PDB file of N, CA and C in Angstrom:
ATOM      1  N   MET A   1      62.168 180.671 121.906  1.00  0.00           N
ATOM      2  CA  MET A   1      62.963 181.177 120.814  1.00  0.00           C
ATOM      3  C   MET A   1      63.609 180.058 120.015  1.00  0.00           C
ATOM      4  N   LEU A   2      64.062 179.027 120.707  1.00  0.00           N
ATOM      5  CA  LEU A   2      64.703 177.934 119.990  1.00  0.00           C
ATOM      6  C   LEU A   2      63.739 177.252 119.031  1.00  0.00           C
ATOM      7  N   LYS A   3      62.485 177.163 119.413  1.00  0.00           N
ATOM      8  CA  LYS A   3      61.496 176.563 118.515  1.00  0.00           C
ATOM      9  C   LYS A   3      61.395 177.351 117.216  1.00  0.00           C
ATOM     10  N   GLN A   4      61.543 178.670 117.291  1.00  0.00           N
ATOM     11  CA  GLN A   4      61.473 179.506 116.102  1.00  0.00           C
ATOM     12  C   GLN A   4      62.637 179.249 115.153  1.00  0.00           C
ATOM     13  N   LEU A   5      63.751 178.801 115.689  1.00  0.00           N
ATOM     14  CA  LEU A   5      64.949 178.588 114.880  1.00  0.00           C
ATOM     15  C   LEU A   5      65.120 177.148 114.420  1.00  0.00           C
ATOM     16  N   GLN A   6      64.231 176.254 114.812  1.00  0.00           N
ATOM     17  CA  GLN A   6      64.462 174.837 114.544  1.00  0.00           C
ATOM     18  C   GLN A   6      64.451 174.486 113.064  1.00  0.00           C
ATOM     19  N   HIS A   7      63.912 175.339 112.222  1.00  0.00           N
ATOM     20  CA  HIS A   7      63.893 175.035 110.796  1.00  0.00           C
ATOM     21  C   HIS A   7      65.009 175.743 110.031  1.00  0.00           C
ATOM     22  N   HIS A   8      65.882 176.438 110.757  1.00  0.00           N
ATOM     23  CA  HIS A   8      67.024 177.085 110.119  1.00  0.00           C
ATOM     24  C   HIS A   8      68.044 175.997 109.786  1.00  0.00           C
ATOM     25  N   SER A   9      68.545 175.988 108.579  1.00  0.00           N
ATOM     26  CA  SER A   9      69.416 174.894 108.132  1.00  0.00           C
ATOM     27  C   SER A   9      70.756 174.835 108.865  1.00  0.00           C
ATOM     28  N   ASN A  10      71.143 175.896 109.569  1.00  0.00           N
ATOM     29  CA  ASN A  10      72.436 175.918 110.245  1.00  0.00           C
ATOM     30  C   ASN A  10      72.308 175.911 111.760  1.00  0.00           C
ATOM     31  N   PHE A  11      71.191 175.422 112.262  1.00  0.00           N
ATOM     32  CA  PHE A  11      70.953 175.430 113.708  1.00  0.00           C
ATOM     33  C   PHE A  11      70.393 174.079 114.110  1.00  0.00           C
ATOM     34  N   VAL A  12      70.924 173.501 115.195  1.00  0.00           N
ATOM     35  CA  VAL A  12      70.382 172.214 115.656  1.00  0.00           C
ATOM     36  C   VAL A  12      68.947 172.393 116.105  1.00  0.00           C
ATOM     37  N   SER A  13      68.143 171.399 115.885  1.00  0.00           N
ATOM     38  CA  SER A  13      66.722 171.479 116.198  1.00  0.00           C
ATOM     39  C   SER A  13      66.453 171.315 117.689  1.00  0.00           C
ATOM     40  N   TYR A  14      65.535 172.112 118.176  1.00  0.00           N
ATOM     41  CA  TYR A  14      65.038 172.030 119.546  1.00  0.00           C
ATOM     42  C   TYR A  14      64.151 170.798 119.668  1.00  0.00           C
ATOM     43  N   VAL A  15      64.284 170.059 120.780  1.00  0.00           N
ATOM     44  CA  VAL A  15      63.445 168.896 121.035  1.00  0.00           C
ATOM     45  C   VAL A  15      62.572 169.118 122.268  1.00  0.00           C
ATOM     46  N   ASP A  16      63.192 169.492 123.385  1.00  0.00           N
ATOM     47  CA  ASP A  16      62.432 169.628 124.626  1.00  0.00           C
ATOM     48  C   ASP A  16      63.246 170.446 125.617  1.00  0.00           C
ATOM     49  N   HIS A  17      62.604 170.867 126.695  1.00  0.00           N
ATOM     50  CA  HIS A  17      63.310 171.557 127.771  1.00  0.00           C
ATOM     51  C   HIS A  17      62.486 171.490 129.057  1.00  0.00           C
ATOM     52  N   SER A  18      63.155 171.817 130.153  1.00  0.00           N
ATOM     53  CA  SER A  18      62.490 171.981 131.441  1.00  0.00           C
ATOM     54  C   SER A  18      63.248 173.039 132.223  1.00  0.00           C
ATOM     55  N   LEU A  19      62.513 173.896 132.904  1.00  0.00           N
ATOM     56  CA  LEU A  19      63.121 174.913 133.766  1.00  0.00           C
ATOM     57  C   LEU A  19      62.977 174.556 135.235  1.00  0.00           C
ATOM     58  N   GLU A  20      62.518 173.320 135.495  1.00  0.00           N
ATOM     59  CA  GLU A  20      62.308 172.865 136.865  1.00  0.00           C
ATOM     60  C   GLU A  20      63.638 172.739 137.601  1.00  0.00           C
ATOM     61  N   LEU A  21      63.722 173.392 138.741  1.00  0.00           N
ATOM     62  CA  LEU A  21      64.918 173.274 139.568  1.00  0.00           C
ATOM     63  C   LEU A  21      64.820 172.000 140.400  1.00  0.00           C
ATOM     64  N   PRO A  22      65.852 171.336 140.727  1.00  0.00           N
ATOM     65  CA  PRO A  22      67.239 171.762 140.618  1.00  0.00           C
ATOM     66  C   PRO A  22      67.929 171.283 139.338  1.00  0.00           C
ATOM     67  N   ASN A  23      67.185 170.711 138.389  1.00  0.00           N
ATOM     68  CA  ASN A  23      67.810 170.140 137.198  1.00  0.00           C
ATOM     69  C   ASN A  23      67.175 170.644 135.905  1.00  0.00           C
ATOM     70  N   PRO A  24      67.341 171.920 135.589  1.00  0.00           N
ATOM     71  CA  PRO A  24      66.823 172.390 134.300  1.00  0.00           C
ATOM     72  C   PRO A  24      67.605 171.727 133.166  1.00  0.00           C
ATOM     73  N   TYR A  25      66.967 171.545 132.018  1.00  0.00           N
ATOM     74  CA  TYR A  25      67.671 170.915 130.902  1.00  0.00           C
ATOM     75  C   TYR A  25      67.148 171.425 129.562  1.00  0.00           C
ATOM     76  N   LEU A  26      67.942 171.202 128.546  1.00  0.00           N
ATOM     77  CA  LEU A  26      67.604 171.529 127.164  1.00  0.00           C
ATOM     78  C   LEU A  26      67.980 170.328 126.314  1.00  0.00           C
ATOM     79  N   VAL A  27      67.067 169.865 125.476  1.00  0.00           N
ATOM     80  CA  VAL A  27      67.325 168.732 124.595  1.00  0.00           C
ATOM     81  C   VAL A  27      67.294 169.239 123.162  1.00  0.00           C
ATOM     82  N   THR A  28      68.356 168.943 122.424  1.00  0.00           N
ATOM     83  CA  THR A  28      68.415 169.283 121.002  1.00  0.00           C
ATOM     84  C   THR A  28      68.661 168.007 120.204  1.00  0.00           C
ATOM     85  N   GLU A  29      68.551 168.107 118.899  1.00  0.00           N
ATOM     86  CA  GLU A  29      68.841 166.947 118.062  1.00  0.00           C
ATOM     87  C   GLU A  29      70.276 166.500 118.287  1.00  0.00           C
ATOM     88  N   PHE A  30      70.531 165.233 118.098  1.00  0.00           N
ATOM     89  CA  PHE A  30      71.873 164.677 118.248  1.00  0.00           C
ATOM     90  C   PHE A  30      72.728 165.065 117.051  1.00  0.00           C
ATOM     91  N   VAL A  31      73.914 165.587 117.341  1.00  0.00           N
ATOM     92  CA  VAL A  31      74.879 165.925 116.294  1.00  0.00           C
ATOM     93  C   VAL A  31      76.116 165.084 116.562  1.00  0.00           C
ATOM     94  N   PRO A  32      76.419 164.126 115.684  1.00  0.00           N
ATOM     95  CA  PRO A  32      77.497 163.180 115.972  1.00  0.00           C
ATOM     96  C   PRO A  32      78.902 163.782 115.938  1.00  0.00           C
ATOM     97  N   LEU A  33      79.081 164.883 115.231  1.00  0.00           N
ATOM     98  CA  LEU A  33      80.400 165.504 115.145  1.00  0.00           C
ATOM     99  C   LEU A  33      80.377 166.891 115.753  1.00  0.00           C
ATOM    100  N   THR A  34      81.471 167.249 116.399  1.00  0.00           N
ATOM    101  CA  THR A  34      81.640 168.623 116.861  1.00  0.00           C
ATOM    102  C   THR A  34      82.816 169.220 116.100  1.00  0.00           C
ATOM    103  N   LEU A  35      82.835 170.521 116.008  1.00  0.00           N
ATOM    104  CA  LEU A  35      83.951 171.175 115.333  1.00  0.00           C
ATOM    105  C   LEU A  35      85.251 170.866 116.069  1.00  0.00           C
ATOM    106  N   ASP A  36      85.199 170.855 117.396  1.00  0.00           N
ATOM    107  CA  ASP A  36      86.386 170.532 118.180  1.00  0.00           C
ATOM    108  C   ASP A  36      86.885 169.127 117.859  1.00  0.00           C
ATOM    109  N   GLY A  37      85.971 168.167 117.797  1.00  0.00           N
ATOM    110  CA  GLY A  37      86.357 166.801 117.465  1.00  0.00           C
ATOM    111  C   GLY A  37      86.958 166.689 116.081  1.00  0.00           C
ATOM    112  N   MET A  38      86.383 167.404 115.144  1.00  0.00           N
ATOM    113  CA  MET A  38      86.917 167.379 113.779  1.00  0.00           C
ATOM    114  C   MET A  38      88.309 167.993 113.730  1.00  0.00           C
ATOM    115  N   LEU A  39      88.516 169.065 114.486  1.00  0.00           N
ATOM    116  CA  LEU A  39      89.829 169.713 114.499  1.00  0.00           C
ATOM    117  C   LEU A  39      90.887 168.801 115.112  1.00  0.00           C
ATOM    118  N   GLN A  40      90.503 168.038 116.129  1.00  0.00           N
ATOM    119  CA  GLN A  40      91.466 167.165 116.804  1.00  0.00           C
ATOM    120  C   GLN A  40      91.734 165.874 116.040  1.00  0.00           C
ATOM    121  N   ASN A  41      90.794 165.420 115.240  1.00  0.00           N
ATOM    122  CA  ASN A  41      90.914 164.106 114.617  1.00  0.00           C
ATOM    123  C   ASN A  41      91.188 164.124 113.116  1.00  0.00           C
ATOM    124  N   SER A  42      91.266 165.277 112.530  1.00  0.00           N
ATOM    125  CA  SER A  42      91.505 165.299 111.087  1.00  0.00           C
ATOM    126  C   SER A  42      92.113 166.618 110.646  1.00  0.00           C
ATOM    127  N   GLN A  43      92.585 166.607 109.458  1.00  0.00           N
ATOM    128  CA  GLN A  43      93.098 167.819 108.834  1.00  0.00           C
ATOM    129  C   GLN A  43      91.962 168.455 108.051  1.00  0.00           C
ATOM    130  N   LEU A  44      91.566 169.648 108.445  1.00  0.00           N
ATOM    131  CA  LEU A  44      90.519 170.352 107.721  1.00  0.00           C
ATOM    132  C   LEU A  44      91.149 171.266 106.680  1.00  0.00           C
ATOM    133  N   THR A  45      90.592 171.238 105.508  1.00  0.00           N
ATOM    134  CA  THR A  45      91.081 172.143 104.468  1.00  0.00           C
ATOM    135  C   THR A  45      90.581 173.549 104.750  1.00  0.00           C
ATOM    136  N   ASN A  46      91.226 174.512 104.141  1.00  0.00           N
ATOM    137  CA  ASN A  46      90.782 175.895 104.290  1.00  0.00           C
ATOM    138  C   ASN A  46      89.343 176.058 103.826  1.00  0.00           C
ATOM    139  N   GLN A  47      88.947 175.345 102.787  1.00  0.00           N
ATOM    140  CA  GLN A  47      87.583 175.450 102.272  1.00  0.00           C
ATOM    141  C   GLN A  47      86.563 174.932 103.278  1.00  0.00           C
ATOM    142  N   VAL A  48      86.868 173.826 103.947  1.00  0.00           N
ATOM    143  CA  VAL A  48      85.953 173.277 104.944  1.00  0.00           C
ATOM    144  C   VAL A  48      85.828 174.252 106.119  1.00  0.00           C
ATOM    145  N   VAL A  49      86.943 174.801 106.587  1.00  0.00           N
ATOM    146  CA  VAL A  49      86.907 175.778 107.673  1.00  0.00           C
ATOM    147  C   VAL A  49      86.082 176.989 107.251  1.00  0.00           C
ATOM    148  N   TRP A  50      86.292 177.473 106.041  1.00  0.00           N
ATOM    149  CA  TRP A  50      85.536 178.616 105.525  1.00  0.00           C
ATOM    150  C   TRP A  50      84.037 178.296 105.486  1.00  0.00           C
ATOM    151  N   ASP A  51      83.691 177.090 105.050  1.00  0.00           N
ATOM    152  CA  ASP A  51      82.281 176.685 104.998  1.00  0.00           C
ATOM    153  C   ASP A  51      81.648 176.704 106.390  1.00  0.00           C
ATOM    154  N   TYR A  52      82.360 176.192 107.396  1.00  0.00           N
ATOM    155  CA  TYR A  52      81.834 176.200 108.770  1.00  0.00           C
ATOM    156  C   TYR A  52      81.696 177.623 109.303  1.00  0.00           C
ATOM    157  N   LEU A  53      82.691 178.449 109.048  1.00  0.00           N
ATOM    158  CA  LEU A  53      82.608 179.841 109.499  1.00  0.00           C
ATOM    159  C   LEU A  53      81.435 180.559 108.837  1.00  0.00           C
ATOM    160  N   THR A  54      81.183 180.249 107.580  1.00  0.00           N
ATOM    161  CA  THR A  54      80.036 180.835 106.881  1.00  0.00           C
ATOM    162  C   THR A  54      78.741 180.394 107.536  1.00  0.00           C
ATOM    163  N   GLN A  55      78.626 179.117 107.868  1.00  0.00           N
ATOM    164  CA  GLN A  55      77.408 178.613 108.520  1.00  0.00           C
ATOM    165  C   GLN A  55      77.206 179.257 109.892  1.00  0.00           C
ATOM    166  N   ILE A  56      78.280 179.391 110.656  1.00  0.00           N
ATOM    167  CA  ILE A  56      78.187 180.045 111.959  1.00  0.00           C
ATOM    168  C   ILE A  56      77.735 181.492 111.792  1.00  0.00           C
ATOM    169  N   SER A  57      78.289 182.171 110.798  1.00  0.00           N
ATOM    170  CA  SER A  57      77.902 183.563 110.529  1.00  0.00           C
ATOM    171  C   SER A  57      76.427 183.683 110.181  1.00  0.00           C
ATOM    172  N   LEU A  58      75.911 182.721 109.424  1.00  0.00           N
ATOM    173  CA  LEU A  58      74.491 182.750 109.058  1.00  0.00           C
ATOM    174  C   LEU A  58      73.591 182.593 110.286  1.00  0.00           C
ATOM    175  N   VAL A  59      73.990 181.729 111.212  1.00  0.00           N
ATOM    176  CA  VAL A  59      73.211 181.566 112.442  1.00  0.00           C
ATOM    177  C   VAL A  59      73.266 182.842 113.276  1.00  0.00           C
ATOM    178  N   LEU A  60      74.456 183.429 113.420  1.00  0.00           N
ATOM    179  CA  LEU A  60      74.579 184.669 114.186  1.00  0.00           C
ATOM    180  C   LEU A  60      73.774 185.796 113.546  1.00  0.00           C
ATOM    181  N   GLU A  61      73.747 185.840 112.232  1.00  0.00           N
ATOM    182  CA  GLU A  61      72.941 186.840 111.526  1.00  0.00           C
ATOM    183  C   GLU A  61      71.453 186.647 111.833  1.00  0.00           C
ATOM    184  N   GLU A  62      71.012 185.400 111.867  1.00  0.00           N
ATOM    185  CA  GLU A  62      69.617 185.104 112.191  1.00  0.00           C
ATOM    186  C   GLU A  62      69.315 185.482 113.641  1.00  0.00           C
ATOM    187  N   PHE A  63      70.240 185.195 114.561  1.00  0.00           N
ATOM    188  CA  PHE A  63      70.063 185.621 115.949  1.00  0.00           C
ATOM    189  C   PHE A  63      69.884 187.133 116.015  1.00  0.00           C
ATOM    190  N   GLU A  64      70.753 187.854 115.351  1.00  0.00           N
ATOM    191  CA  GLU A  64      70.704 189.317 115.355  1.00  0.00           C
ATOM    192  C   GLU A  64      69.379 189.818 114.787  1.00  0.00           C
ATOM    193  N   ARG A  65      68.940 189.213 113.709  1.00  0.00           N
ATOM    194  CA  ARG A  65      67.686 189.614 113.068  1.00  0.00           C
ATOM    195  C   ARG A  65      66.505 189.443 114.020  1.00  0.00           C
ATOM    196  N   ARG A  66      66.565 188.413 114.859  1.00  0.00           N
ATOM    197  CA  ARG A  66      65.470 188.121 115.793  1.00  0.00           C
ATOM    198  C   ARG A  66      65.668 188.769 117.164  1.00  0.00           C
ATOM    199  N   GLY A  67      66.767 189.489 117.334  1.00  0.00           N
ATOM    200  CA  GLY A  67      67.016 190.157 118.607  1.00  0.00           C
ATOM    201  C   GLY A  67      67.459 189.234 119.706  1.00  0.00           C
ATOM    202  N   ILE A  68      68.076 188.110 119.354  1.00  0.00           N
ATOM    203  CA  ILE A  68      68.548 187.134 120.343  1.00  0.00           C
ATOM    204  C   ILE A  68      69.989 187.473 120.722  1.00  0.00           C
ATOM    205  N   ALA A  69      70.238 187.581 122.014  1.00  0.00           N
ATOM    206  CA  ALA A  69      71.590 187.874 122.483  1.00  0.00           C
ATOM    207  C   ALA A  69      72.486 186.670 122.250  1.00  0.00           C
ATOM    208  N   HIS A  70      73.682 186.920 121.811  1.00  0.00           N
ATOM    209  CA  HIS A  70      74.623 185.828 121.530  1.00  0.00           C
ATOM    210  C   HIS A  70      76.026 186.170 121.996  1.00  0.00           C
ATOM    211  N   GLY A  71      76.141 186.935 123.060  1.00  0.00           N
ATOM    212  CA  GLY A  71      77.439 187.375 123.537  1.00  0.00           C
ATOM    213  C   GLY A  71      78.311 186.280 124.109  1.00  0.00           C
ATOM    214  N   ASP A  72      77.741 185.114 124.396  1.00  0.00           N
ATOM    215  CA  ASP A  72      78.538 184.052 124.992  1.00  0.00           C
ATOM    216  C   ASP A  72      79.208 183.163 123.957  1.00  0.00           C
ATOM    217  N   LEU A  73      79.024 183.444 122.700  1.00  0.00           N
ATOM    218  CA  LEU A  73      79.633 182.601 121.656  1.00  0.00           C
ATOM    219  C   LEU A  73      81.035 183.039 121.347  1.00  0.00           C
TER     220      LEU A  73
END
């Protein structure tokens, strides 16, 4: 499923994965900033927060359209 979403502009790209126990893993593209880091290290304007919330909403909408469960977000 992640491969299907890798070209969505608001979703990090899938790189690789393994389901081999005892160390399953998922590799995605590197994202240098996290929302948490930005919140702790800078003052975000209302517009920037709104832009991020819009992007998150677009990803959740795409998940819903594809029938992907997202209850853990």
